[in-house]
Amino acid sequence: MTLQSNEQAGLDQLVQKLQDLQSVVNRQLPTSTPVDWPAWCAFLADMKNATGNLRNEASFVATMLAKQYITAKHSALNDFDAETKSQNAPGLDIDVHTSDSKRIVAEVKTMKPNGPNDFGANQSGQVIKDLTRLEATPADYRYFS
């Protein structure tokens, strides 16, 4: 699958973020005997800065997986760029048209269930909300992943 320029930029940012995180993790941990609280604070601040909001990166990768699946099923897509919509933006995660004007919509989830077979109340509510949105959206194809 060929990446659009925005998608490549998103992947490049992800790689840089993970390299930054790796450099922090590979440093020696601050001492615990005696406890060096300022060093612990600085280490954890560096860790937090390196990770940023990894939810966005997880959502980007999941959207790229969905794109890979959808483009395999529907080869006639018009310039499907999975990075044009912000990962935090409301609305459908994927909303594209084929060259013959068929509409494809999708919702992409990255949440992990609270229990082995159980979504928590908030998670269940989000899934139901997304499924309801998919059902209500006029489209030729709908996907949920």
C-alpha atoms as a PDB file:
ATOM      1  CA  MET A   1       0.000   0.000   0.000  1.00  0.00           C
ATOM      2  CA  THR A   2       1.409   3.359  -1.007  1.00  0.00           C
ATOM      3  CA  LEU A   3       1.307   6.022   1.684  1.00  0.00           C
ATOM      4  CA  GLN A   4      -0.023   9.505   1.033  1.00  0.00           C
ATOM      5  CA  SER A   5       2.371  12.304   2.050  1.00  0.00           C
ATOM      6  CA  ASN A   6       0.364  13.076   5.224  1.00  0.00           C
ATOM      7  CA  GLU A   7       0.408   9.400   6.187  1.00  0.00           C
ATOM      8  CA  GLN A   8       4.166   9.201   5.669  1.00  0.00           C
ATOM      9  CA  ALA A   9       4.585  12.302   7.837  1.00  0.00           C
ATOM     10  CA  GLY A  10       2.432  10.669  10.540  1.00  0.00           C
ATOM     11  CA  LEU A  11       4.540   7.520  10.393  1.00  0.00           C
ATOM     12  CA  ASP A  12       7.757   9.568  10.534  1.00  0.00           C
ATOM     13  CA  GLN A  13       6.454  11.402  13.636  1.00  0.00           C
ATOM     14  CA  LEU A  14       5.583   8.069  15.264  1.00  0.00           C
ATOM     15  CA  VAL A  15       9.056   6.675  14.587  1.00  0.00           C
ATOM     16  CA  GLN A  16      10.680   9.832  16.007  1.00  0.00           C
ATOM     17  CA  LYS A  17       8.494   9.689  19.118  1.00  0.00           C
ATOM     18  CA  LEU A  18       9.394   6.040  19.712  1.00  0.00           C
ATOM     19  CA  GLN A  19      13.095   6.760  19.181  1.00  0.00           C
ATOM     20  CA  ASP A  20      12.859   9.588  21.727  1.00  0.00           C
ATOM     21  CA  LEU A  21      11.105   7.260  24.161  1.00  0.00           C
ATOM     22  CA  GLN A  22      13.703   4.551  23.602  1.00  0.00           C
ATOM     23  CA  SER A  23      16.517   6.984  24.400  1.00  0.00           C
ATOM     24  CA  VAL A  24      14.825   7.918  27.694  1.00  0.00           C
ATOM     25  CA  VAL A  25      14.111   4.292  28.640  1.00  0.00           C
ATOM     26  CA  ASN A  26      17.689   3.268  27.880  1.00  0.00           C
ATOM     27  CA  ARG A  27      19.093   5.781  30.368  1.00  0.00           C
ATOM     28  CA  GLN A  28      20.101   4.607  33.801  1.00  0.00           C
ATOM     29  CA  LEU A  29      17.279   4.895  36.313  1.00  0.00           C
ATOM     30  CA  PRO A  30      17.711   7.411  39.120  1.00  0.00           C
ATOM     31  CA  THR A  31      18.917   5.958  42.387  1.00  0.00           C
ATOM     32  CA  SER A  32      16.497   4.571  44.948  1.00  0.00           C
ATOM     33  CA  THR A  33      19.007   4.287  47.785  1.00  0.00           C
ATOM     34  CA  PRO A  34      19.330   7.071  48.660  1.00  0.00           C
ATOM     35  CA  VAL A  35      16.252   8.352  46.853  1.00  0.00           C
ATOM     36  CA  ASP A  36      17.042  11.149  44.424  1.00  0.00           C
ATOM     37  CA  TRP A  37      13.589  12.744  44.071  1.00  0.00           C
ATOM     38  CA  PRO A  38      14.658  15.556  41.713  1.00  0.00           C
ATOM     39  CA  ALA A  39      16.271  12.995  39.394  1.00  0.00           C
ATOM     40  CA  TRP A  40      13.123  10.814  39.504  1.00  0.00           C
ATOM     41  CA  CYS A  41      10.987  13.850  38.708  1.00  0.00           C
ATOM     42  CA  ALA A  42      13.213  14.816  35.763  1.00  0.00           C
ATOM     43  CA  PHE A  43      13.308  11.218  34.472  1.00  0.00           C
ATOM     44  CA  LEU A  44       9.524  10.862  34.575  1.00  0.00           C
ATOM     45  CA  ALA A  45       9.042  14.296  32.995  1.00  0.00           C
ATOM     46  CA  ASP A  46      11.338  13.239  30.143  1.00  0.00           C
ATOM     47  CA  MET A  47       9.375   9.984  29.817  1.00  0.00           C
ATOM     48  CA  LYS A  48       6.077  11.885  29.708  1.00  0.00           C
ATOM     49  CA  ASN A  49       7.424  14.354  27.127  1.00  0.00           C
ATOM     50  CA  ALA A  50       8.737  11.521  24.959  1.00  0.00           C
ATOM     51  CA  THR A  51       5.454   9.617  24.955  1.00  0.00           C
ATOM     52  CA  GLY A  52       3.108  12.566  24.553  1.00  0.00           C
ATOM     53  CA  ASN A  53      -0.337  11.277  23.761  1.00  0.00           C
ATOM     54  CA  LEU A  54       0.321   7.780  22.397  1.00  0.00           C
ATOM     55  CA  ARG A  55      -3.431   7.311  21.982  1.00  0.00           C
ATOM     56  CA  ASN A  56      -3.257   9.424  18.849  1.00  0.00           C
ATOM     57  CA  GLU A  57      -0.469   7.276  17.421  1.00  0.00           C
ATOM     58  CA  ALA A  58      -2.366   4.073  18.284  1.00  0.00           C
ATOM     59  CA  SER A  59      -5.419   5.507  16.549  1.00  0.00           C
ATOM     60  CA  PHE A  60      -3.331   6.463  13.506  1.00  0.00           C
ATOM     61  CA  VAL A  61      -1.900   2.931  13.216  1.00  0.00           C
ATOM     62  CA  ALA A  62      -5.360   1.373  13.662  1.00  0.00           C
ATOM     63  CA  THR A  63      -6.745   3.685  10.974  1.00  0.00           C
ATOM     64  CA  MET A  64      -3.927   2.624   8.645  1.00  0.00           C
ATOM     65  CA  LEU A  65      -4.834  -1.030   9.311  1.00  0.00           C
ATOM     66  CA  ALA A  66      -8.453  -0.216   8.454  1.00  0.00           C
ATOM     67  CA  LYS A  67      -7.287   1.584   5.311  1.00  0.00           C
ATOM     68  CA  GLN A  68      -5.253  -1.454   4.290  1.00  0.00           C
ATOM     69  CA  TYR A  69      -8.310  -3.700   4.721  1.00  0.00           C
ATOM     70  CA  ILE A  70     -10.702  -1.311   2.948  1.00  0.00           C
ATOM     71  CA  THR A  71      -8.372  -0.693   0.000  1.00  0.00           C
ATOM     72  CA  ALA A  72      -7.950  -4.454  -0.427  1.00  0.00           C
ATOM     73  CA  LYS A  73     -11.750  -4.859  -0.592  1.00  0.00           C
ATOM     74  CA  HIS A  74     -12.420  -1.720  -2.667  1.00  0.00           C
ATOM     75  CA  SER A  75      -9.589  -1.032  -5.074  1.00  0.00           C
ATOM     76  CA  ALA A  76     -11.265   1.963  -6.730  1.00  0.00           C
ATOM     77  CA  LEU A  77     -10.827   4.488  -3.895  1.00  0.00           C
ATOM     78  CA  ASN A  78     -10.311   8.170  -4.568  1.00  0.00           C
ATOM     79  CA  ASP A  79      -7.131   9.427  -2.846  1.00  0.00           C
ATOM     80  CA  PHE A  80      -7.839   7.852   0.531  1.00  0.00           C
ATOM     81  CA  ASP A  81      -5.583   9.729   2.967  1.00  0.00           C
ATOM     82  CA  ALA A  82      -6.068   8.355   6.486  1.00  0.00           C
ATOM     83  CA  GLU A  83      -4.242  11.324   8.028  1.00  0.00           C
ATOM     84  CA  THR A  84      -6.423  14.151   6.708  1.00  0.00           C
ATOM     85  CA  LYS A  85      -8.792  13.904   9.683  1.00  0.00           C
ATOM     86  CA  SER A  86      -7.387  14.549  13.138  1.00  0.00           C
ATOM     87  CA  GLN A  87      -7.481  11.490  15.374  1.00  0.00           C
ATOM     88  CA  ASN A  88      -9.307  13.586  17.998  1.00  0.00           C
ATOM     89  CA  ALA A  89     -11.876  15.093  15.647  1.00  0.00           C
ATOM     90  CA  PRO A  90     -15.527  14.168  16.128  1.00  0.00           C
ATOM     91  CA  GLY A  91     -17.430  12.251  13.485  1.00  0.00           C
ATOM     92  CA  LEU A  92     -16.693   9.211  11.404  1.00  0.00           C
ATOM     93  CA  ASP A  93     -13.097   7.996  11.458  1.00  0.00           C
ATOM     94  CA  ILE A  94     -13.207   7.100   7.761  1.00  0.00           C
ATOM     95  CA  ASP A  95     -15.530   8.610   5.177  1.00  0.00           C
ATOM     96  CA  VAL A  96     -14.409   8.033   1.573  1.00  0.00           C
ATOM     97  CA  HIS A  97     -15.850   7.480  -1.889  1.00  0.00           C
ATOM     98  CA  THR A  98     -14.908   5.029  -4.602  1.00  0.00           C
ATOM     99  CA  SER A  99     -14.359   6.162  -8.185  1.00  0.00           C
ATOM    100  CA  ASP A 100     -17.908   4.963  -8.959  1.00  0.00           C
ATOM    101  CA  SER A 101     -19.306   7.194  -6.154  1.00  0.00           C
ATOM    102  CA  LYS A 102     -19.928   4.452  -3.590  1.00  0.00           C
ATOM    103  CA  ARG A 103     -19.611   5.803  -0.045  1.00  0.00           C
ATOM    104  CA  ILE A 104     -17.539   3.883   2.509  1.00  0.00           C
ATOM    105  CA  VAL A 105     -17.682   4.818   6.191  1.00  0.00           C
ATOM    106  CA  ALA A 106     -15.897   3.290   9.144  1.00  0.00           C
ATOM    107  CA  GLU A 107     -15.345   3.678  12.855  1.00  0.00           C
ATOM    108  CA  VAL A 108     -12.013   2.565  14.290  1.00  0.00           C
ATOM    109  CA  LYS A 109     -11.572   1.677  17.965  1.00  0.00           C
ATOM    110  CA  THR A 110      -8.334   1.041  19.843  1.00  0.00           C
ATOM    111  CA  MET A 111      -9.759   0.508  23.311  1.00  0.00           C
ATOM    112  CA  LYS A 112      -8.919  -2.591  25.279  1.00  0.00           C
ATOM    113  CA  PRO A 113     -11.765  -4.177  27.271  1.00  0.00           C
ATOM    114  CA  ASN A 114     -11.670  -3.660  31.032  1.00  0.00           C
ATOM    115  CA  GLY A 115     -12.052  -7.375  31.611  1.00  0.00           C
ATOM    116  CA  PRO A 116     -11.357 -10.460  29.499  1.00  0.00           C
ATOM    117  CA  ASN A 117     -14.797 -10.281  27.871  1.00  0.00           C
ATOM    118  CA  ASP A 118     -16.175  -7.038  29.221  1.00  0.00           C
ATOM    119  CA  PHE A 119     -16.207  -3.429  28.169  1.00  0.00           C
ATOM    120  CA  GLY A 120     -16.833  -1.004  30.984  1.00  0.00           C
ATOM    121  CA  ALA A 121     -19.948   1.179  30.961  1.00  0.00           C
ATOM    122  CA  ASN A 122     -18.160   4.120  29.330  1.00  0.00           C
ATOM    123  CA  GLN A 123     -16.510   1.875  26.737  1.00  0.00           C
ATOM    124  CA  SER A 124     -19.812   0.173  25.930  1.00  0.00           C
ATOM    125  CA  GLY A 125     -21.452   3.565  25.564  1.00  0.00           C
ATOM    126  CA  GLN A 126     -18.777   4.657  23.069  1.00  0.00           C
ATOM    127  CA  VAL A 127     -19.158   1.466  21.033  1.00  0.00           C
ATOM    128  CA  ILE A 128     -22.954   1.839  20.949  1.00  0.00           C
ATOM    129  CA  LYS A 129     -22.620   5.513  19.971  1.00  0.00           C
ATOM    130  CA  ASP A 130     -20.276   4.646  17.101  1.00  0.00           C
ATOM    131  CA  LEU A 131     -22.426   1.748  15.889  1.00  0.00           C
ATOM    132  CA  THR A 132     -25.510   3.977  15.994  1.00  0.00           C
ATOM    133  CA  ARG A 133     -23.668   6.645  13.977  1.00  0.00           C
ATOM    134  CA  LEU A 134     -22.624   4.030  11.402  1.00  0.00           C
ATOM    135  CA  GLU A 135     -26.169   2.701  11.123  1.00  0.00           C
ATOM    136  CA  ALA A 136     -27.624   6.203  10.687  1.00  0.00           C
ATOM    137  CA  THR A 137     -25.090   7.283   8.053  1.00  0.00           C
ATOM    138  CA  PRO A 138     -26.163   6.787   4.446  1.00  0.00           C
ATOM    139  CA  ALA A 139     -23.404   4.640   2.931  1.00  0.00           C
ATOM    140  CA  ASP A 140     -22.896   1.751   0.551  1.00  0.00           C
ATOM    141  CA  TYR A 141     -20.389   0.058   2.867  1.00  0.00           C
ATOM    142  CA  ARG A 142     -19.906   0.335   6.615  1.00  0.00           C
ATOM    143  CA  TYR A 143     -17.046  -1.006   8.692  1.00  0.00           C
ATOM    144  CA  PHE A 144     -16.320  -1.171  12.409  1.00  0.00           C
ATOM    145  CA  SER A 145     -12.959  -2.233  13.732  1.00  0.00           C
END
